[in-house]
Amino acid sequence: MFEAKLNDVSLLRESIAAISEFIDEAEMHIKHEGIELVSSDRAVVAVIDFLLHRNAFSEYIYDSDTKIGINLVRLLQVLRRAKPDDTLRMKLDDNKLLLVLEGSSTRSFSLPLIDVTKEESPDLKKLEAGFSAKLSVNSDILNAGIEDAELIAASIVFTIRKDQLMMKAESDSSSTQMELPSGTESLRIIDMEGPVRARYSIDYLKKIFKARKLADNANIAIATDYPIKIEFDIPQKIRLACILAPRVED
């Protein structure tokens, strides 16, 4: 049995909007802690780690762990029908997920549960052990640097020192660079073993930062020529993280 009520529909809507950029179908795990989704895209370039905490719900009725397959594109279409003051009720009923938007009117939707073929995801605990630097960066500033870089190239290089984050993109004839000093509200170095340099796909980064509405700051974990973890977190409400593989140097 599972029933829940979510007063802030945007938490789920903005999360699914970002996740569906990578994955169109996924297996969600309804558990004591909340609703969890861990999956990689088909190319296994990015891994999504998502949790909508039970404390984000005003009601959360649950009796046992349940895994459900759902079409995320269809789910997002329903969530986008929510008005600003609507609440969302969710309920499992046989082989369907019932979604009810309650506000000035009551609108009901029913989505079928599906079988999902899961791509084999990397070991997240093993990946976590390889990060050598952790930092917190203003989401909008980081996104602006990515959008600048998109004008120039298909990939961007992150260089991190104790006093600075630098993002640089180059082509045969052009370049762009953004520097952000540490010790400000925009950049806080949490932990660093040494300087870091790594290159990542701008296309993938743009998709990840569609979730920046969830949190003012993005938590970054990174190492030289290693995957980057970008996490948007509201404690005891929501966690959306993406681990992105590095690009081989051009």
C-alpha atoms as a PDB file:
ATOM      1  CA  MET A   1       0.000   0.000   0.000  1.00  0.00           C
ATOM      2  CA  PHE A   2       1.220   3.480  -0.821  1.00  0.00           C
ATOM      3  CA  GLU A   3      -0.514   6.843  -0.632  1.00  0.00           C
ATOM      4  CA  ALA A   4       1.061  10.270  -0.303  1.00  0.00           C
ATOM      5  CA  LYS A   5       0.259  13.962  -0.498  1.00  0.00           C
ATOM      6  CA  LEU A   6       2.760  16.536  -1.776  1.00  0.00           C
ATOM      7  CA  ASN A   7       1.962  20.194  -1.172  1.00  0.00           C
ATOM      8  CA  ASP A   8       4.889  21.587  -3.192  1.00  0.00           C
ATOM      9  CA  VAL A   9       4.449  19.951  -6.603  1.00  0.00           C
ATOM     10  CA  SER A  10       7.451  21.862  -7.989  1.00  0.00           C
ATOM     11  CA  LEU A  11       9.858  19.667  -6.006  1.00  0.00           C
ATOM     12  CA  LEU A  12       8.851  16.617  -8.022  1.00  0.00           C
ATOM     13  CA  ARG A  13       8.154  18.479 -11.276  1.00  0.00           C
ATOM     14  CA  GLU A  14      11.544  20.201 -11.511  1.00  0.00           C
ATOM     15  CA  SER A  15      13.326  16.979 -10.566  1.00  0.00           C
ATOM     16  CA  ILE A  16      11.547  14.855 -13.155  1.00  0.00           C
ATOM     17  CA  ALA A  17      12.072  17.580 -15.776  1.00  0.00           C
ATOM     18  CA  ALA A  18      15.836  17.237 -15.294  1.00  0.00           C
ATOM     19  CA  ILE A  19      15.885  13.443 -14.940  1.00  0.00           C
ATOM     20  CA  SER A  20      13.800  12.921 -18.085  1.00  0.00           C
ATOM     21  CA  GLU A  21      16.506  14.704 -20.084  1.00  0.00           C
ATOM     22  CA  PHE A  22      18.584  11.548 -19.534  1.00  0.00           C
ATOM     23  CA  ILE A  23      16.048   8.780 -18.925  1.00  0.00           C
ATOM     24  CA  ASP A  24      12.567   8.377 -20.404  1.00  0.00           C
ATOM     25  CA  GLU A  25      11.600   5.304 -18.355  1.00  0.00           C
ATOM     26  CA  ALA A  26      12.761   4.417 -14.861  1.00  0.00           C
ATOM     27  CA  GLU A  27      12.178   2.190 -11.878  1.00  0.00           C
ATOM     28  CA  MET A  28      11.197   4.097  -8.750  1.00  0.00           C
ATOM     29  CA  HIS A  29      11.708   2.566  -5.343  1.00  0.00           C
ATOM     30  CA  ILE A  30       9.050   3.496  -2.783  1.00  0.00           C
ATOM     31  CA  LYS A  31      10.636   2.923   0.610  1.00  0.00           C
ATOM     32  CA  HIS A  32      10.582   4.093   4.207  1.00  0.00           C
ATOM     33  CA  GLU A  33      12.892   7.055   3.511  1.00  0.00           C
ATOM     34  CA  GLY A  34      10.863   8.275   0.529  1.00  0.00           C
ATOM     35  CA  ILE A  35      10.774   7.789  -3.231  1.00  0.00           C
ATOM     36  CA  GLU A  36      14.162   6.871  -4.702  1.00  0.00           C
ATOM     37  CA  LEU A  37      15.439   6.550  -8.259  1.00  0.00           C
ATOM     38  CA  VAL A  38      18.932   5.407  -9.222  1.00  0.00           C
ATOM     39  CA  SER A  39      19.559   4.861 -12.925  1.00  0.00           C
ATOM     40  CA  SER A  40      21.982   5.619 -15.737  1.00  0.00           C
ATOM     41  CA  ASP A  41      21.283   6.868 -19.227  1.00  0.00           C
ATOM     42  CA  ARG A  42      21.527   4.374 -22.099  1.00  0.00           C
ATOM     43  CA  ALA A  43      25.092   5.420 -22.912  1.00  0.00           C
ATOM     44  CA  VAL A  44      26.082   5.000 -19.235  1.00  0.00           C
ATOM     45  CA  VAL A  45      27.664   8.463 -19.365  1.00  0.00           C
ATOM     46  CA  ALA A  46      25.509   9.872 -16.562  1.00  0.00           C
ATOM     47  CA  VAL A  47      24.054   8.264 -13.434  1.00  0.00           C
ATOM     48  CA  ILE A  48      21.070   9.820 -11.648  1.00  0.00           C
ATOM     49  CA  ASP A  49      20.686   9.451  -7.866  1.00  0.00           C
ATOM     50  CA  PHE A  50      17.375  10.924  -6.678  1.00  0.00           C
ATOM     51  CA  LEU A  51      15.465  10.882  -3.390  1.00  0.00           C
ATOM     52  CA  LEU A  52      12.237  12.707  -2.593  1.00  0.00           C
ATOM     53  CA  HIS A  53      12.313  12.404   1.198  1.00  0.00           C
ATOM     54  CA  ARG A  54       9.178  11.335   3.035  1.00  0.00           C
ATOM     55  CA  ASN A  55       9.416  14.574   5.069  1.00  0.00           C
ATOM     56  CA  ALA A  56       8.676  16.512   1.873  1.00  0.00           C
ATOM     57  CA  PHE A  57       5.171  14.994   1.944  1.00  0.00           C
ATOM     58  CA  SER A  58       2.394  16.197   4.236  1.00  0.00           C
ATOM     59  CA  GLU A  59       1.067  12.623   4.177  1.00  0.00           C
ATOM     60  CA  TYR A  60       3.075   9.458   3.529  1.00  0.00           C
ATOM     61  CA  ILE A  61       1.346   6.106   4.033  1.00  0.00           C
ATOM     62  CA  TYR A  62       3.580   3.161   3.312  1.00  0.00           C
ATOM     63  CA  ASP A  63       3.689  -0.454   4.482  1.00  0.00           C
ATOM     64  CA  SER A  64       6.459  -2.144   2.477  1.00  0.00           C
ATOM     65  CA  ASP A  65       9.162  -1.452  -0.099  1.00  0.00           C
ATOM     66  CA  THR A  66       7.777  -1.374  -3.634  1.00  0.00           C
ATOM     67  CA  LYS A  67       9.445  -0.929  -7.023  1.00  0.00           C
ATOM     68  CA  ILE A  68       7.410   0.587  -9.844  1.00  0.00           C
ATOM     69  CA  GLY A  69       8.287   1.234 -13.482  1.00  0.00           C
ATOM     70  CA  ILE A  70       7.031   4.521 -14.845  1.00  0.00           C
ATOM     71  CA  ASN A  71       7.292   6.532 -18.058  1.00  0.00           C
ATOM     72  CA  LEU A  72       8.927   9.765 -16.869  1.00  0.00           C
ATOM     73  CA  VAL A  73       7.853  11.756 -19.922  1.00  0.00           C
ATOM     74  CA  ARG A  74       4.193  10.942 -19.240  1.00  0.00           C
ATOM     75  CA  LEU A  75       4.650  11.688 -15.542  1.00  0.00           C
ATOM     76  CA  LEU A  76       6.187  15.070 -16.337  1.00  0.00           C
ATOM     77  CA  GLN A  77       3.273  15.923 -18.641  1.00  0.00           C
ATOM     78  CA  VAL A  78       0.890  15.407 -15.723  1.00  0.00           C
ATOM     79  CA  LEU A  79       3.038  17.351 -13.242  1.00  0.00           C
ATOM     80  CA  ARG A  80       3.173  20.291 -15.642  1.00  0.00           C
ATOM     81  CA  ARG A  81      -0.628  20.486 -15.512  1.00  0.00           C
ATOM     82  CA  ALA A  82      -0.406  21.479 -11.830  1.00  0.00           C
ATOM     83  CA  LYS A  83      -1.405  25.053 -11.001  1.00  0.00           C
ATOM     84  CA  PRO A  84       0.713  27.033  -8.495  1.00  0.00           C
ATOM     85  CA  ASP A  85      -1.632  26.328  -5.571  1.00  0.00           C
ATOM     86  CA  ASP A  86      -2.403  22.701  -6.427  1.00  0.00           C
ATOM     87  CA  THR A  87      -1.409  19.801  -4.206  1.00  0.00           C
ATOM     88  CA  LEU A  88      -0.603  16.344  -5.539  1.00  0.00           C
ATOM     89  CA  ARG A  89      -1.976  13.068  -4.226  1.00  0.00           C
ATOM     90  CA  MET A  90      -0.285   9.840  -5.311  1.00  0.00           C
ATOM     91  CA  LYS A  91      -1.644   6.334  -4.879  1.00  0.00           C
ATOM     92  CA  LEU A  92      -0.776   2.869  -6.151  1.00  0.00           C
ATOM     93  CA  ASP A  93      -3.832   1.014  -7.422  1.00  0.00           C
ATOM     94  CA  ASP A  94      -3.268  -2.424  -8.939  1.00  0.00           C
ATOM     95  CA  ASN A  95      -0.959  -1.819 -11.928  1.00  0.00           C
ATOM     96  CA  LYS A  96      -1.457   1.922 -12.074  1.00  0.00           C
ATOM     97  CA  LEU A  97      -0.178   5.070 -10.424  1.00  0.00           C
ATOM     98  CA  LEU A  98      -3.034   7.434  -9.632  1.00  0.00           C
ATOM     99  CA  LEU A  99      -2.207  11.153  -9.588  1.00  0.00           C
ATOM    100  CA  VAL A 100      -4.732  13.687  -8.318  1.00  0.00           C
ATOM    101  CA  LEU A 101      -4.218  17.450  -8.573  1.00  0.00           C
ATOM    102  CA  GLU A 102      -6.310  19.247  -5.955  1.00  0.00           C
ATOM    103  CA  GLY A 103      -6.931  22.981  -5.960  1.00  0.00           C
ATOM    104  CA  SER A 104      -9.853  25.046  -7.185  1.00  0.00           C
ATOM    105  CA  SER A 105     -10.824  21.853  -9.000  1.00  0.00           C
ATOM    106  CA  THR A 106      -9.875  18.180  -8.667  1.00  0.00           C
ATOM    107  CA  ARG A 107      -8.238  16.522 -11.665  1.00  0.00           C
ATOM    108  CA  SER A 108      -7.291  12.856 -11.756  1.00  0.00           C
ATOM    109  CA  PHE A 109      -4.813  11.008 -13.952  1.00  0.00           C
ATOM    110  CA  SER A 110      -3.906   7.338 -14.181  1.00  0.00           C
ATOM    111  CA  LEU A 111      -0.546   6.143 -15.497  1.00  0.00           C
ATOM    112  CA  PRO A 112       0.204   2.474 -16.165  1.00  0.00           C
ATOM    113  CA  LEU A 113       3.093   0.766 -14.400  1.00  0.00           C
ATOM    114  CA  ILE A 114       5.565  -0.669 -16.899  1.00  0.00           C
ATOM    115  CA  ASP A 115       8.463  -3.097 -17.047  1.00  0.00           C
ATOM    116  CA  VAL A 116      11.727  -1.193 -17.274  1.00  0.00           C
ATOM    117  CA  THR A 117      14.997  -2.512 -18.639  1.00  0.00           C
ATOM    118  CA  LYS A 118      17.656  -1.064 -16.362  1.00  0.00           C
ATOM    119  CA  GLU A 119      21.119  -0.179 -17.596  1.00  0.00           C
ATOM    120  CA  GLU A 120      23.898  -1.437 -15.350  1.00  0.00           C
ATOM    121  CA  SER A 121      25.016   1.492 -13.215  1.00  0.00           C
ATOM    122  CA  PRO A 122      28.489   2.007 -11.737  1.00  0.00           C
ATOM    123  CA  ASP A 123      29.045   1.350  -8.033  1.00  0.00           C
ATOM    124  CA  LEU A 124      28.177   4.712  -6.441  1.00  0.00           C
ATOM    125  CA  LYS A 125      30.028   3.995  -3.186  1.00  0.00           C
ATOM    126  CA  LYS A 126      33.174   3.111  -5.129  1.00  0.00           C
ATOM    127  CA  LEU A 127      32.873   6.305  -7.194  1.00  0.00           C
ATOM    128  CA  GLU A 128      32.446   8.408  -4.051  1.00  0.00           C
ATOM    129  CA  ALA A 129      35.766   7.130  -2.733  1.00  0.00           C
ATOM    130  CA  GLY A 130      37.616   8.562  -5.755  1.00  0.00           C
ATOM    131  CA  PHE A 131      36.693  12.230  -5.352  1.00  0.00           C
ATOM    132  CA  SER A 132      39.564  14.483  -4.247  1.00  0.00           C
ATOM    133  CA  ALA A 133      37.782  17.855  -4.003  1.00  0.00           C
ATOM    134  CA  LYS A 134      34.392  18.961  -2.744  1.00  0.00           C
ATOM    135  CA  LEU A 135      32.905  22.421  -3.112  1.00  0.00           C
ATOM    136  CA  SER A 136      29.666  24.368  -3.054  1.00  0.00           C
ATOM    137  CA  VAL A 137      28.999  26.727  -5.977  1.00  0.00           C
ATOM    138  CA  ASN A 138      26.173  29.128  -6.787  1.00  0.00           C
ATOM    139  CA  SER A 139      23.944  27.277  -9.260  1.00  0.00           C
ATOM    140  CA  ASP A 140      23.146  30.255 -11.489  1.00  0.00           C
ATOM    141  CA  ILE A 141      26.771  31.387 -11.751  1.00  0.00           C
ATOM    142  CA  LEU A 142      27.901  27.884 -12.665  1.00  0.00           C
ATOM    143  CA  ASN A 143      25.139  27.602 -15.250  1.00  0.00           C
ATOM    144  CA  ALA A 144      26.151  30.957 -16.759  1.00  0.00           C
ATOM    145  CA  GLY A 145      29.703  29.672 -17.198  1.00  0.00           C
ATOM    146  CA  ILE A 146      28.371  26.577 -18.963  1.00  0.00           C
ATOM    147  CA  GLU A 147      26.199  28.686 -21.281  1.00  0.00           C
ATOM    148  CA  ASP A 148      29.184  30.917 -22.098  1.00  0.00           C
ATOM    149  CA  ALA A 149      31.253  27.855 -22.942  1.00  0.00           C
ATOM    150  CA  GLU A 150      28.523  26.512 -25.229  1.00  0.00           C
ATOM    151  CA  LEU A 151      29.187  29.437 -27.577  1.00  0.00           C
ATOM    152  CA  ILE A 152      32.726  28.200 -28.127  1.00  0.00           C
ATOM    153  CA  ALA A 153      33.027  24.427 -27.816  1.00  0.00           C
ATOM    154  CA  ALA A 154      31.341  21.113 -27.018  1.00  0.00           C
ATOM    155  CA  SER A 155      33.294  20.510 -23.813  1.00  0.00           C
ATOM    156  CA  ILE A 156      34.519  22.527 -20.859  1.00  0.00           C
ATOM    157  CA  VAL A 157      37.522  22.164 -18.568  1.00  0.00           C
ATOM    158  CA  PHE A 158      37.141  22.626 -14.813  1.00  0.00           C
ATOM    159  CA  THR A 159      40.298  23.650 -12.970  1.00  0.00           C
ATOM    160  CA  ILE A 160      40.044  23.922  -9.194  1.00  0.00           C
ATOM    161  CA  ARG A 161      42.628  25.250  -6.750  1.00  0.00           C
ATOM    162  CA  LYS A 162      42.276  26.201  -3.109  1.00  0.00           C
ATOM    163  CA  ASP A 163      41.675  29.813  -4.056  1.00  0.00           C
ATOM    164  CA  GLN A 164      39.703  29.508  -7.293  1.00  0.00           C
ATOM    165  CA  LEU A 165      37.381  27.659  -9.649  1.00  0.00           C
ATOM    166  CA  MET A 166      38.078  28.215 -13.342  1.00  0.00           C
ATOM    167  CA  MET A 167      35.947  27.028 -16.270  1.00  0.00           C
ATOM    168  CA  LYS A 168      37.446  27.259 -19.758  1.00  0.00           C
ATOM    169  CA  ALA A 169      36.333  26.293 -23.269  1.00  0.00           C
ATOM    170  CA  GLU A 170      38.451  26.574 -26.422  1.00  0.00           C
ATOM    171  CA  SER A 171      38.064  26.039 -30.144  1.00  0.00           C
ATOM    172  CA  ASP A 172      40.570  26.522 -32.965  1.00  0.00           C
ATOM    173  CA  SER A 173      39.967  30.276 -33.047  1.00  0.00           C
ATOM    174  CA  SER A 174      38.041  31.251 -29.914  1.00  0.00           C
ATOM    175  CA  SER A 175      38.001  30.766 -26.164  1.00  0.00           C
ATOM    176  CA  THR A 176      36.081  31.759 -23.061  1.00  0.00           C
ATOM    177  CA  GLN A 177      37.003  31.577 -19.403  1.00  0.00           C
ATOM    178  CA  MET A 178      35.200  32.168 -16.120  1.00  0.00           C
ATOM    179  CA  GLU A 179      37.062  32.556 -12.823  1.00  0.00           C
ATOM    180  CA  LEU A 180      35.374  32.401  -9.437  1.00  0.00           C
ATOM    181  CA  PRO A 181      37.399  33.136  -6.273  1.00  0.00           C
ATOM    182  CA  SER A 182      36.836  31.006  -3.195  1.00  0.00           C
ATOM    183  CA  GLY A 183      35.814  32.309   0.202  1.00  0.00           C
ATOM    184  CA  THR A 184      32.700  34.045  -1.107  1.00  0.00           C
ATOM    185  CA  GLU A 185      29.016  33.170  -0.983  1.00  0.00           C
ATOM    186  CA  SER A 186      29.326  32.014  -4.590  1.00  0.00           C
ATOM    187  CA  LEU A 187      32.129  29.489  -4.021  1.00  0.00           C
ATOM    188  CA  ARG A 188      33.060  27.572  -0.895  1.00  0.00           C
ATOM    189  CA  ILE A 189      35.822  24.959  -0.992  1.00  0.00           C
ATOM    190  CA  ILE A 190      34.803  22.246   1.475  1.00  0.00           C
ATOM    191  CA  ASP A 191      37.659  19.788   1.032  1.00  0.00           C
ATOM    192  CA  MET A 192      40.627  19.506  -1.325  1.00  0.00           C
ATOM    193  CA  GLU A 193      43.547  17.105  -1.522  1.00  0.00           C
ATOM    194  CA  GLY A 194      45.217  18.990  -4.368  1.00  0.00           C
ATOM    195  CA  PRO A 195      44.588  20.859  -7.641  1.00  0.00           C
ATOM    196  CA  VAL A 196      41.997  19.299  -9.959  1.00  0.00           C
ATOM    197  CA  ARG A 197      41.590  19.437 -13.735  1.00  0.00           C
ATOM    198  CA  ALA A 198      38.935  17.575 -15.752  1.00  0.00           C
ATOM    199  CA  ARG A 199      36.917  17.989 -18.958  1.00  0.00           C
ATOM    200  CA  TYR A 200      33.167  17.338 -19.366  1.00  0.00           C
ATOM    201  CA  SER A 201      30.483  17.476 -22.037  1.00  0.00           C
ATOM    202  CA  ILE A 202      28.640  20.787 -22.163  1.00  0.00           C
ATOM    203  CA  ASP A 203      25.512  19.128 -23.528  1.00  0.00           C
ATOM    204  CA  TYR A 204      25.270  16.861 -20.484  1.00  0.00           C
ATOM    205  CA  LEU A 205      26.058  19.682 -18.066  1.00  0.00           C
ATOM    206  CA  LYS A 206      23.274  21.802 -19.543  1.00  0.00           C
ATOM    207  CA  LYS A 207      20.813  18.971 -18.930  1.00  0.00           C
ATOM    208  CA  ILE A 208      21.973  18.592 -15.328  1.00  0.00           C
ATOM    209  CA  PHE A 209      21.550  22.280 -14.613  1.00  0.00           C
ATOM    210  CA  LYS A 210      17.901  22.214 -15.603  1.00  0.00           C
ATOM    211  CA  ALA A 211      17.506  21.182 -11.956  1.00  0.00           C
ATOM    212  CA  ARG A 212      19.108  24.349 -10.589  1.00  0.00           C
ATOM    213  CA  LYS A 213      15.691  25.743  -9.567  1.00  0.00           C
ATOM    214  CA  LEU A 214      15.735  23.199  -6.745  1.00  0.00           C
ATOM    215  CA  ALA A 215      18.610  24.809  -4.824  1.00  0.00           C
ATOM    216  CA  ASP A 216      20.610  28.043  -4.866  1.00  0.00           C
ATOM    217  CA  ASN A 217      23.887  26.140  -4.584  1.00  0.00           C
ATOM    218  CA  ALA A 218      25.185  23.017  -6.296  1.00  0.00           C
ATOM    219  CA  ASN A 219      27.385  20.637  -4.301  1.00  0.00           C
ATOM    220  CA  ILE A 220      30.289  19.446  -6.463  1.00  0.00           C
ATOM    221  CA  ALA A 221      32.577  16.453  -5.959  1.00  0.00           C
ATOM    222  CA  ILE A 222      35.370  16.023  -8.512  1.00  0.00           C
ATOM    223  CA  ALA A 223      38.865  14.687  -9.193  1.00  0.00           C
ATOM    224  CA  THR A 224      41.363  14.982 -12.054  1.00  0.00           C
ATOM    225  CA  ASP A 225      40.168  13.139 -15.180  1.00  0.00           C
ATOM    226  CA  TYR A 226      37.431  11.535 -13.077  1.00  0.00           C
ATOM    227  CA  PRO A 227      33.619  11.686 -12.996  1.00  0.00           C
ATOM    228  CA  ILE A 228      32.012  14.794 -11.505  1.00  0.00           C
ATOM    229  CA  LYS A 229      29.108  14.633  -9.073  1.00  0.00           C
ATOM    230  CA  ILE A 230      26.699  17.563  -9.140  1.00  0.00           C
ATOM    231  CA  GLU A 231      24.080  17.546  -6.406  1.00  0.00           C
ATOM    232  CA  PHE A 232      21.115  19.784  -5.631  1.00  0.00           C
ATOM    233  CA  ASP A 233      19.952  19.244  -2.083  1.00  0.00           C
ATOM    234  CA  ILE A 234      17.279  20.528   0.270  1.00  0.00           C
ATOM    235  CA  PRO A 235      17.944  18.692   3.571  1.00  0.00           C
ATOM    236  CA  GLN A 236      15.148  16.357   4.637  1.00  0.00           C
ATOM    237  CA  LYS A 237      13.198  17.186   1.469  1.00  0.00           C
ATOM    238  CA  ILE A 238      14.984  16.326  -1.753  1.00  0.00           C
ATOM    239  CA  ARG A 239      18.303  15.204  -3.206  1.00  0.00           C
ATOM    240  CA  LEU A 240      19.034  15.112  -6.906  1.00  0.00           C
ATOM    241  CA  ALA A 241      22.554  14.168  -7.926  1.00  0.00           C
ATOM    242  CA  CYS A 242      24.087  13.382 -11.296  1.00  0.00           C
ATOM    243  CA  ILE A 243      27.444  11.684 -11.730  1.00  0.00           C
ATOM    244  CA  LEU A 244      28.889  12.490 -15.138  1.00  0.00           C
ATOM    245  CA  ALA A 245      31.803  10.705 -16.813  1.00  0.00           C
ATOM    246  CA  PRO A 246      34.757  12.857 -17.963  1.00  0.00           C
ATOM    247  CA  ARG A 247      35.571  13.510 -21.609  1.00  0.00           C
ATOM    248  CA  VAL A 248      38.824  12.335 -23.082  1.00  0.00           C
ATOM    249  CA  GLU A 249      41.062  15.273 -23.931  1.00  0.00           C
ATOM    250  CA  ASP A 250      40.525  16.511 -27.508  1.00  0.00           C
END
